[in-house]
N, C-alpha and C. Protein backbone atom coordinates (compact mmCIF):
# COMPACT_ATOMS: atom_id res chain seq x y z
N MET A 1 0.83 -1.18 0.00
CA MET A 1 0.00 0.00 0.00
C MET A 1 0.88 1.25 0.00
N ASN A 2 0.55 2.21 -0.82
CA ASN A 2 1.31 3.45 -0.91
C ASN A 2 0.62 4.51 -0.07
N ASP A 3 1.30 4.96 1.00
CA ASP A 3 0.68 5.94 1.88
C ASP A 3 1.17 7.36 1.61
N LYS A 4 1.81 7.57 0.48
CA LYS A 4 2.29 8.90 0.14
C LYS A 4 1.16 9.74 -0.43
N ARG A 5 1.19 11.03 -0.13
CA ARG A 5 0.18 11.93 -0.68
C ARG A 5 0.43 12.21 -2.15
N TRP A 6 1.72 12.27 -2.53
CA TRP A 6 2.09 12.59 -3.91
C TRP A 6 3.07 11.56 -4.43
N PRO A 7 2.61 10.35 -4.73
CA PRO A 7 3.53 9.28 -5.15
C PRO A 7 4.22 9.56 -6.48
N HIS A 8 3.66 10.42 -7.31
CA HIS A 8 4.26 10.69 -8.62
C HIS A 8 5.23 11.87 -8.60
N PHE A 9 5.43 12.45 -7.41
CA PHE A 9 6.32 13.59 -7.28
C PHE A 9 7.36 13.28 -6.20
N PRO A 10 8.51 12.74 -6.59
CA PRO A 10 9.54 12.36 -5.62
C PRO A 10 9.98 13.54 -4.76
N GLY A 11 10.05 13.29 -3.46
CA GLY A 11 10.53 14.29 -2.52
C GLY A 11 9.45 15.19 -1.94
N TRP A 12 8.29 15.24 -2.56
CA TRP A 12 7.26 16.15 -2.08
C TRP A 12 6.79 15.78 -0.68
N ASP A 13 6.61 14.50 -0.41
CA ASP A 13 6.14 14.09 0.92
C ASP A 13 7.15 14.50 1.99
N GLU A 14 8.43 14.37 1.69
CA GLU A 14 9.47 14.75 2.65
C GLU A 14 9.49 16.26 2.84
N HIS A 15 9.38 17.02 1.73
CA HIS A 15 9.33 18.49 1.84
C HIS A 15 8.13 18.92 2.69
N ALA A 16 6.97 18.32 2.42
CA ALA A 16 5.76 18.68 3.15
C ALA A 16 5.90 18.34 4.64
N ALA A 17 6.43 17.17 4.93
CA ALA A 17 6.61 16.76 6.33
C ALA A 17 7.56 17.71 7.05
N THR A 18 8.61 18.16 6.37
CA THR A 18 9.56 19.11 6.96
C THR A 18 8.87 20.43 7.28
N ALA A 19 8.15 20.98 6.31
CA ALA A 19 7.47 22.26 6.52
C ALA A 19 6.44 22.16 7.64
N GLU A 20 5.66 21.10 7.63
CA GLU A 20 4.62 20.93 8.64
C GLU A 20 5.22 20.75 10.04
N ALA A 21 6.29 19.97 10.16
CA ALA A 21 6.91 19.73 11.46
C ALA A 21 7.60 20.97 12.01
N LEU A 22 8.32 21.70 11.15
CA LEU A 22 8.97 22.93 11.62
C LEU A 22 7.93 23.98 12.01
N ALA A 23 6.86 24.07 11.25
CA ALA A 23 5.80 25.01 11.61
C ALA A 23 5.21 24.64 12.97
N GLU A 24 4.94 23.37 13.17
CA GLU A 24 4.38 22.92 14.46
C GLU A 24 5.35 23.22 15.60
N ALA A 25 6.65 23.02 15.37
CA ALA A 25 7.65 23.30 16.41
C ALA A 25 7.69 24.78 16.76
N CYS A 26 7.26 25.63 15.83
CA CYS A 26 7.24 27.08 16.07
C CYS A 26 5.87 27.57 16.52
N GLY A 27 4.93 26.66 16.75
CA GLY A 27 3.59 27.04 17.16
C GLY A 27 2.72 27.52 16.01
N ALA A 28 3.11 27.20 14.79
CA ALA A 28 2.37 27.63 13.60
C ALA A 28 1.73 26.42 12.93
N LYS A 29 1.08 26.69 11.79
CA LYS A 29 0.49 25.60 11.01
C LYS A 29 0.79 25.82 9.54
N ALA A 30 1.35 24.80 8.90
CA ALA A 30 1.61 24.83 7.46
C ALA A 30 0.71 23.79 6.80
N VAL A 31 0.13 24.17 5.67
CA VAL A 31 -0.71 23.26 4.90
C VAL A 31 -0.09 23.15 3.51
N CYS A 32 0.15 21.92 3.09
CA CYS A 32 0.80 21.66 1.80
C CYS A 32 -0.20 21.06 0.82
N SER A 33 -0.12 21.50 -0.43
CA SER A 33 -1.02 20.99 -1.46
C SER A 33 -0.34 21.11 -2.82
N GLN A 34 -0.87 20.40 -3.79
CA GLN A 34 -0.34 20.50 -5.15
C GLN A 34 -0.99 21.68 -5.85
N LYS A 35 -0.15 22.51 -6.46
CA LYS A 35 -0.65 23.60 -7.29
C LYS A 35 0.08 23.50 -8.61
N TYR A 36 -0.67 23.21 -9.66
CA TYR A 36 -0.09 22.96 -10.97
C TYR A 36 0.96 21.86 -10.85
N GLU A 37 2.22 22.18 -11.13
CA GLU A 37 3.28 21.17 -11.09
C GLU A 37 4.28 21.42 -9.96
N TYR A 38 3.85 22.13 -8.92
CA TYR A 38 4.74 22.33 -7.79
C TYR A 38 3.99 22.16 -6.47
N LEU A 39 4.75 22.02 -5.40
CA LEU A 39 4.20 21.82 -4.06
C LEU A 39 3.99 23.18 -3.42
N LYS A 40 2.76 23.54 -3.16
CA LYS A 40 2.42 24.82 -2.52
C LYS A 40 2.44 24.62 -1.01
N VAL A 41 3.11 25.54 -0.30
CA VAL A 41 3.18 25.51 1.16
C VAL A 41 2.58 26.82 1.66
N GLU A 42 1.49 26.70 2.39
CA GLU A 42 0.79 27.87 2.91
C GLU A 42 0.89 27.89 4.43
N ILE A 43 1.38 28.99 4.98
CA ILE A 43 1.45 29.15 6.43
C ILE A 43 0.11 29.73 6.86
N GLN A 44 -0.74 28.91 7.49
CA GLN A 44 -2.10 29.32 7.82
C GLN A 44 -2.23 29.88 9.23
N GLN A 45 -1.28 29.61 10.08
CA GLN A 45 -1.30 30.14 11.44
C GLN A 45 0.10 30.64 11.74
N LEU A 46 0.21 31.87 12.24
CA LEU A 46 1.51 32.47 12.49
C LEU A 46 2.26 31.76 13.61
N ALA A 47 3.58 31.86 13.57
CA ALA A 47 4.44 31.24 14.58
C ALA A 47 4.44 32.09 15.85
N SER A 48 5.17 31.62 16.83
CA SER A 48 5.24 32.29 18.13
C SER A 48 5.89 33.66 18.06
N THR A 49 6.83 33.85 17.13
CA THR A 49 7.52 35.13 16.99
C THR A 49 7.50 35.56 15.53
N PRO A 50 7.65 36.86 15.27
CA PRO A 50 7.72 37.33 13.89
C PRO A 50 8.91 36.74 13.13
N GLU A 51 10.03 36.53 13.83
CA GLU A 51 11.21 35.95 13.19
C GLU A 51 10.92 34.53 12.70
N GLN A 52 10.25 33.75 13.54
CA GLN A 52 9.90 32.38 13.14
C GLN A 52 8.92 32.39 11.98
N THR A 53 7.98 33.30 12.00
CA THR A 53 7.01 33.40 10.90
C THR A 53 7.73 33.74 9.60
N ARG A 54 8.68 34.70 9.63
CA ARG A 54 9.45 35.03 8.43
C ARG A 54 10.25 33.82 7.94
N ALA A 55 10.86 33.10 8.88
CA ALA A 55 11.64 31.93 8.50
C ALA A 55 10.75 30.87 7.85
N LEU A 56 9.57 30.67 8.38
CA LEU A 56 8.65 29.68 7.80
C LEU A 56 8.20 30.10 6.40
N HIS A 57 7.94 31.38 6.21
CA HIS A 57 7.57 31.85 4.87
C HIS A 57 8.73 31.67 3.90
N TRP A 58 9.96 31.92 4.36
CA TRP A 58 11.15 31.73 3.54
C TRP A 58 11.30 30.25 3.18
N LEU A 59 11.12 29.38 4.16
CA LEU A 59 11.20 27.94 3.92
C LEU A 59 10.12 27.51 2.93
N ALA A 60 8.90 28.03 3.08
CA ALA A 60 7.81 27.70 2.16
C ALA A 60 8.19 28.07 0.73
N GLU A 61 8.78 29.25 0.56
CA GLU A 61 9.20 29.69 -0.78
C GLU A 61 10.28 28.78 -1.34
N LEU A 62 11.25 28.39 -0.51
CA LEU A 62 12.31 27.48 -0.96
C LEU A 62 11.73 26.14 -1.40
N ILE A 63 10.80 25.61 -0.63
CA ILE A 63 10.19 24.32 -0.97
C ILE A 63 9.42 24.43 -2.29
N GLU A 64 8.67 25.52 -2.46
CA GLU A 64 7.93 25.69 -3.71
C GLU A 64 8.88 25.77 -4.89
N GLN A 65 9.97 26.54 -4.75
CA GLN A 65 10.94 26.65 -5.83
C GLN A 65 11.61 25.30 -6.10
N ALA A 66 11.96 24.59 -5.04
CA ALA A 66 12.64 23.30 -5.21
C ALA A 66 11.72 22.29 -5.91
N SER A 67 10.44 22.25 -5.52
CA SER A 67 9.54 21.29 -6.15
C SER A 67 9.28 21.66 -7.60
N ASP A 68 9.22 22.94 -7.90
CA ASP A 68 9.04 23.38 -9.28
C ASP A 68 10.28 23.04 -10.09
N GLN A 69 11.47 23.25 -9.51
CA GLN A 69 12.71 22.91 -10.21
C GLN A 69 12.82 21.42 -10.41
N ASP A 70 12.40 20.61 -9.42
CA ASP A 70 12.43 19.16 -9.56
C ASP A 70 11.62 18.72 -10.78
N GLN A 71 10.46 19.32 -10.98
CA GLN A 71 9.61 18.95 -12.12
C GLN A 71 10.26 19.36 -13.43
N LYS A 72 10.87 20.56 -13.45
CA LYS A 72 11.53 21.02 -14.68
C LYS A 72 12.73 20.13 -14.98
N THR A 73 13.47 19.75 -13.93
CA THR A 73 14.64 18.89 -14.12
C THR A 73 14.23 17.53 -14.63
N ALA A 74 13.11 17.00 -14.10
CA ALA A 74 12.64 15.67 -14.53
C ALA A 74 12.26 15.69 -16.01
N SER A 75 11.68 16.81 -16.47
CA SER A 75 11.27 16.88 -17.87
C SER A 75 12.39 17.36 -18.78
N ASP A 76 13.40 18.04 -18.21
CA ASP A 76 14.51 18.55 -19.01
C ASP A 76 15.78 18.50 -18.17
N PRO A 77 16.56 17.40 -18.24
CA PRO A 77 17.75 17.27 -17.41
C PRO A 77 18.76 18.40 -17.60
N GLY A 78 18.75 19.08 -18.71
CA GLY A 78 19.65 20.21 -18.92
C GLY A 78 19.32 21.40 -18.05
N PHE A 79 18.13 21.43 -17.49
CA PHE A 79 17.71 22.53 -16.63
C PHE A 79 18.42 22.51 -15.28
N ALA A 80 18.94 21.38 -14.88
CA ALA A 80 19.47 21.21 -13.51
C ALA A 80 20.83 21.86 -13.33
N ASN A 81 20.91 23.17 -13.53
CA ASN A 81 22.19 23.83 -13.31
C ASN A 81 22.37 24.24 -11.85
N ASN A 82 21.32 24.39 -11.09
CA ASN A 82 21.43 24.72 -9.68
C ASN A 82 21.05 23.50 -8.86
N ARG A 83 22.05 22.75 -8.47
CA ARG A 83 21.83 21.56 -7.65
C ARG A 83 21.33 21.95 -6.27
N LEU A 84 20.50 21.11 -5.69
CA LEU A 84 20.03 21.33 -4.33
C LEU A 84 20.84 20.47 -3.38
N TYR A 85 21.21 21.04 -2.23
CA TYR A 85 22.00 20.33 -1.23
C TYR A 85 21.20 20.24 0.06
N PRO A 86 21.24 19.06 0.71
CA PRO A 86 20.45 18.89 1.92
C PRO A 86 21.16 19.43 3.16
N PHE A 87 20.38 20.02 4.05
CA PHE A 87 20.82 20.42 5.38
C PHE A 87 19.83 19.84 6.38
N VAL A 88 20.35 19.19 7.42
CA VAL A 88 19.49 18.70 8.49
C VAL A 88 19.33 19.84 9.48
N ILE A 89 18.09 20.19 9.77
CA ILE A 89 17.76 21.25 10.73
C ILE A 89 17.11 20.58 11.94
N ASN A 90 17.55 20.95 13.15
CA ASN A 90 16.90 20.43 14.34
C ASN A 90 16.98 21.45 15.45
N VAL A 91 16.20 21.24 16.48
CA VAL A 91 16.23 22.14 17.64
C VAL A 91 16.40 21.29 18.88
N GLU A 92 17.30 21.74 19.74
CA GLU A 92 17.54 21.05 21.00
C GLU A 92 17.93 22.09 22.04
N GLU A 93 17.18 22.16 23.12
CA GLU A 93 17.42 23.12 24.20
C GLU A 93 17.54 24.55 23.66
N ASN A 94 16.60 24.94 22.81
CA ASN A 94 16.51 26.28 22.23
C ASN A 94 17.68 26.66 21.33
N VAL A 95 18.42 25.69 20.85
CA VAL A 95 19.48 25.94 19.86
C VAL A 95 19.08 25.24 18.57
N TRP A 96 19.02 25.99 17.50
CA TRP A 96 18.67 25.46 16.18
C TRP A 96 19.96 25.04 15.49
N GLY A 97 20.09 23.76 15.23
CA GLY A 97 21.27 23.24 14.57
C GLY A 97 21.04 23.07 13.09
N TYR A 98 22.10 23.16 12.31
CA TYR A 98 22.05 22.89 10.88
C TYR A 98 23.33 22.15 10.51
N HIS A 99 23.18 21.15 9.63
CA HIS A 99 24.34 20.35 9.24
C HIS A 99 24.15 19.83 7.82
N SER A 100 25.23 19.88 7.06
CA SER A 100 25.25 19.34 5.71
C SER A 100 26.32 18.26 5.64
N PRO A 101 26.03 17.12 5.00
CA PRO A 101 27.05 16.09 4.85
C PRO A 101 28.28 16.59 4.08
N GLN A 102 28.10 17.55 3.18
CA GLN A 102 29.20 18.06 2.37
C GLN A 102 29.96 19.21 3.01
N PHE A 103 29.27 20.07 3.79
CA PHE A 103 29.85 21.36 4.17
C PHE A 103 29.95 21.61 5.67
N GLY A 104 29.48 20.70 6.51
CA GLY A 104 29.53 20.92 7.95
C GLY A 104 28.30 21.66 8.44
N GLY A 105 28.43 22.35 9.57
CA GLY A 105 27.27 23.03 10.11
C GLY A 105 27.59 23.83 11.34
N GLY A 106 26.56 24.11 12.12
CA GLY A 106 26.70 24.91 13.32
C GLY A 106 25.39 25.03 14.04
N GLY A 107 25.32 26.02 14.91
CA GLY A 107 24.11 26.25 15.69
C GLY A 107 23.73 27.72 15.64
N ALA A 108 22.47 28.00 15.90
CA ALA A 108 21.96 29.36 15.85
C ALA A 108 20.83 29.51 16.87
N PRO A 109 20.55 30.75 17.28
CA PRO A 109 19.52 30.96 18.30
C PRO A 109 18.08 30.85 17.79
N SER A 110 17.87 30.86 16.48
CA SER A 110 16.51 30.79 15.95
C SER A 110 16.50 30.01 14.64
N LEU A 111 15.30 29.58 14.24
CA LEU A 111 15.14 28.88 12.97
C LEU A 111 15.58 29.78 11.82
N GLU A 112 15.17 31.04 11.84
CA GLU A 112 15.53 31.96 10.77
C GLU A 112 17.04 32.11 10.65
N SER A 113 17.73 32.29 11.77
CA SER A 113 19.18 32.46 11.69
C SER A 113 19.87 31.16 11.31
N ALA A 114 19.32 30.00 11.67
CA ALA A 114 19.90 28.72 11.26
C ALA A 114 19.77 28.54 9.75
N LEU A 115 18.62 28.89 9.17
CA LEU A 115 18.43 28.79 7.73
C LEU A 115 19.36 29.77 6.99
N GLU A 116 19.48 30.99 7.52
CA GLU A 116 20.38 31.97 6.91
C GLU A 116 21.83 31.49 6.98
N ALA A 117 22.24 30.96 8.14
CA ALA A 117 23.62 30.48 8.29
C ALA A 117 23.90 29.30 7.37
N ALA A 118 22.93 28.39 7.22
CA ALA A 118 23.10 27.26 6.31
C ALA A 118 23.26 27.76 4.88
N GLN A 119 22.45 28.75 4.49
CA GLN A 119 22.55 29.31 3.14
C GLN A 119 23.91 29.98 2.94
N GLU A 120 24.37 30.73 3.94
CA GLU A 120 25.68 31.38 3.86
C GLU A 120 26.80 30.34 3.73
N LEU A 121 26.70 29.27 4.51
CA LEU A 121 27.70 28.20 4.46
C LEU A 121 27.76 27.59 3.06
N LEU A 122 26.60 27.30 2.47
CA LEU A 122 26.55 26.74 1.13
C LEU A 122 27.12 27.72 0.10
N ASN A 123 26.73 28.99 0.18
CA ASN A 123 27.23 29.98 -0.77
C ASN A 123 28.75 30.16 -0.64
N HIS A 124 29.25 30.15 0.58
CA HIS A 124 30.70 30.28 0.80
C HIS A 124 31.45 29.09 0.20
N ALA A 125 30.94 27.89 0.45
CA ALA A 125 31.57 26.69 -0.11
C ALA A 125 31.56 26.73 -1.64
N ALA A 126 30.47 27.20 -2.22
CA ALA A 126 30.38 27.30 -3.68
C ALA A 126 31.38 28.33 -4.21
N SER A 127 31.54 29.44 -3.49
CA SER A 127 32.50 30.46 -3.91
C SER A 127 33.92 29.91 -3.89
N LEU A 128 34.25 29.13 -2.84
CA LEU A 128 35.58 28.54 -2.75
C LEU A 128 35.82 27.55 -3.90
N CYS A 129 34.83 26.71 -4.17
CA CYS A 129 34.96 25.74 -5.27
C CYS A 129 35.13 26.47 -6.60
N PHE A 130 34.37 27.54 -6.79
CA PHE A 130 34.43 28.31 -8.02
C PHE A 130 35.80 28.98 -8.16
N ALA A 131 36.30 29.57 -7.06
CA ALA A 131 37.59 30.26 -7.09
C ALA A 131 38.74 29.29 -7.37
N GLN A 132 38.60 28.08 -6.89
CA GLN A 132 39.64 27.07 -7.08
C GLN A 132 39.42 26.26 -8.37
N THR A 133 38.47 26.72 -9.17
CA THR A 133 38.10 26.08 -10.45
C THR A 133 37.89 24.58 -10.32
N ARG A 134 37.20 24.18 -9.28
CA ARG A 134 36.81 22.78 -9.15
C ARG A 134 35.30 22.75 -8.97
N GLY A 135 34.72 21.66 -9.32
CA GLY A 135 33.28 21.53 -9.24
C GLY A 135 32.78 21.37 -7.82
N MET A 136 31.51 21.59 -7.68
CA MET A 136 30.86 21.37 -6.38
C MET A 136 30.84 19.87 -6.11
N PRO A 137 30.88 19.50 -4.82
CA PRO A 137 30.80 18.07 -4.50
C PRO A 137 29.45 17.49 -4.90
N SER A 138 29.43 16.19 -5.08
CA SER A 138 28.16 15.51 -5.39
C SER A 138 27.23 15.62 -4.21
N VAL A 139 25.95 15.55 -4.50
CA VAL A 139 24.94 15.60 -3.45
C VAL A 139 24.97 14.29 -2.68
N VAL A 140 25.07 14.38 -1.37
CA VAL A 140 25.09 13.21 -0.49
C VAL A 140 23.81 13.22 0.33
N PRO A 141 23.08 12.11 0.36
CA PRO A 141 21.85 12.08 1.17
C PRO A 141 22.17 12.35 2.64
N PRO A 142 21.31 13.10 3.31
CA PRO A 142 21.55 13.42 4.71
C PRO A 142 21.32 12.22 5.61
N THR A 143 22.00 12.19 6.74
CA THR A 143 21.80 11.16 7.75
C THR A 143 21.08 11.80 8.92
N LEU A 144 19.92 11.27 9.25
CA LEU A 144 19.15 11.81 10.37
C LEU A 144 19.55 11.08 11.64
N SER A 145 19.60 11.83 12.74
CA SER A 145 19.85 11.19 14.03
C SER A 145 18.55 10.57 14.50
N ARG A 146 18.54 10.10 15.69
CA ARG A 146 17.30 9.51 16.21
C ARG A 146 16.35 10.56 16.77
N SER A 147 16.74 11.80 16.70
CA SER A 147 15.93 12.89 17.24
C SER A 147 14.65 13.07 16.43
N ASP A 148 13.57 13.31 17.13
CA ASP A 148 12.30 13.58 16.45
C ASP A 148 12.26 14.96 15.82
N THR A 149 13.26 15.81 16.15
CA THR A 149 13.25 17.16 15.62
C THR A 149 14.05 17.31 14.33
N ASP A 150 14.71 16.27 13.86
CA ASP A 150 15.50 16.36 12.62
C ASP A 150 14.58 16.50 11.41
N ARG A 151 14.83 17.51 10.61
CA ARG A 151 14.11 17.73 9.36
C ARG A 151 15.13 18.12 8.30
N VAL A 152 14.86 17.79 7.06
CA VAL A 152 15.77 18.09 5.97
C VAL A 152 15.22 19.26 5.16
N VAL A 153 16.11 20.23 4.91
CA VAL A 153 15.80 21.38 4.06
C VAL A 153 16.78 21.33 2.90
N TRP A 154 16.29 21.50 1.68
CA TRP A 154 17.15 21.46 0.49
C TRP A 154 17.39 22.89 0.04
N LEU A 155 18.67 23.27 -0.07
CA LEU A 155 19.04 24.63 -0.45
C LEU A 155 19.83 24.62 -1.75
N ALA A 156 19.67 25.68 -2.53
CA ALA A 156 20.44 25.86 -3.77
C ALA A 156 21.42 27.00 -3.57
N VAL A 157 22.52 26.98 -4.30
CA VAL A 157 23.47 28.09 -4.27
C VAL A 157 22.76 29.31 -4.83
N THR A 158 22.81 30.41 -4.08
CA THR A 158 22.08 31.61 -4.52
C THR A 158 22.99 32.77 -4.89
N ASN A 159 24.30 32.68 -4.59
CA ASN A 159 25.16 33.81 -4.94
C ASN A 159 25.56 33.72 -6.42
N THR A 160 25.42 34.81 -7.12
CA THR A 160 25.84 34.87 -8.51
C THR A 160 27.18 35.59 -8.53
N PRO A 161 28.10 35.33 -9.39
CA PRO A 161 27.96 34.55 -10.61
C PRO A 161 28.19 33.06 -10.42
N VAL A 162 28.47 32.63 -9.19
CA VAL A 162 28.77 31.22 -8.95
C VAL A 162 27.61 30.34 -9.40
N ALA A 163 26.39 30.69 -9.00
CA ALA A 163 25.23 29.87 -9.34
C ALA A 163 25.05 29.74 -10.86
N ASP A 164 25.45 30.76 -11.59
CA ASP A 164 25.32 30.71 -13.05
C ASP A 164 26.25 29.71 -13.69
N HIS A 165 27.34 29.32 -12.96
CA HIS A 165 28.32 28.41 -13.53
C HIS A 165 28.19 26.98 -13.05
N LEU A 166 27.23 26.71 -12.19
CA LEU A 166 27.05 25.33 -11.69
C LEU A 166 26.35 24.48 -12.72
């Protein structure tokens, strides 16, 4: 029996579960649905703080872009110039952790700052690879700990001109 909501769209169930779980951890509510050929994430109840609400909206936008890119990549493999890299996000004792199998990680005081730091880490690594004229490392699937708070967020390199050359 297939218990996935979107069996024909790889990764959507994981993206939706991540958005819904992080929203719940922030006291908010996220509702995920299919809109055309991408996964729509709607924040229907605000988080405990404005910073968390902004972070959730940012995450929702990233998930929508990633799911739209996944569909374009599936139909046109030449479109995949901006690879997505996984970061495990979790919270423990009010510290938001982020970790990538390729690039390392750290901790931050809020979800928003953890997402920003993860993005900065990815962009910095891409800049170094670009400056040294070597390619970005291959995407490695994330390893989740046994923690119930582990969620995976997929990020793309956003600094140009590096992103244009991937």
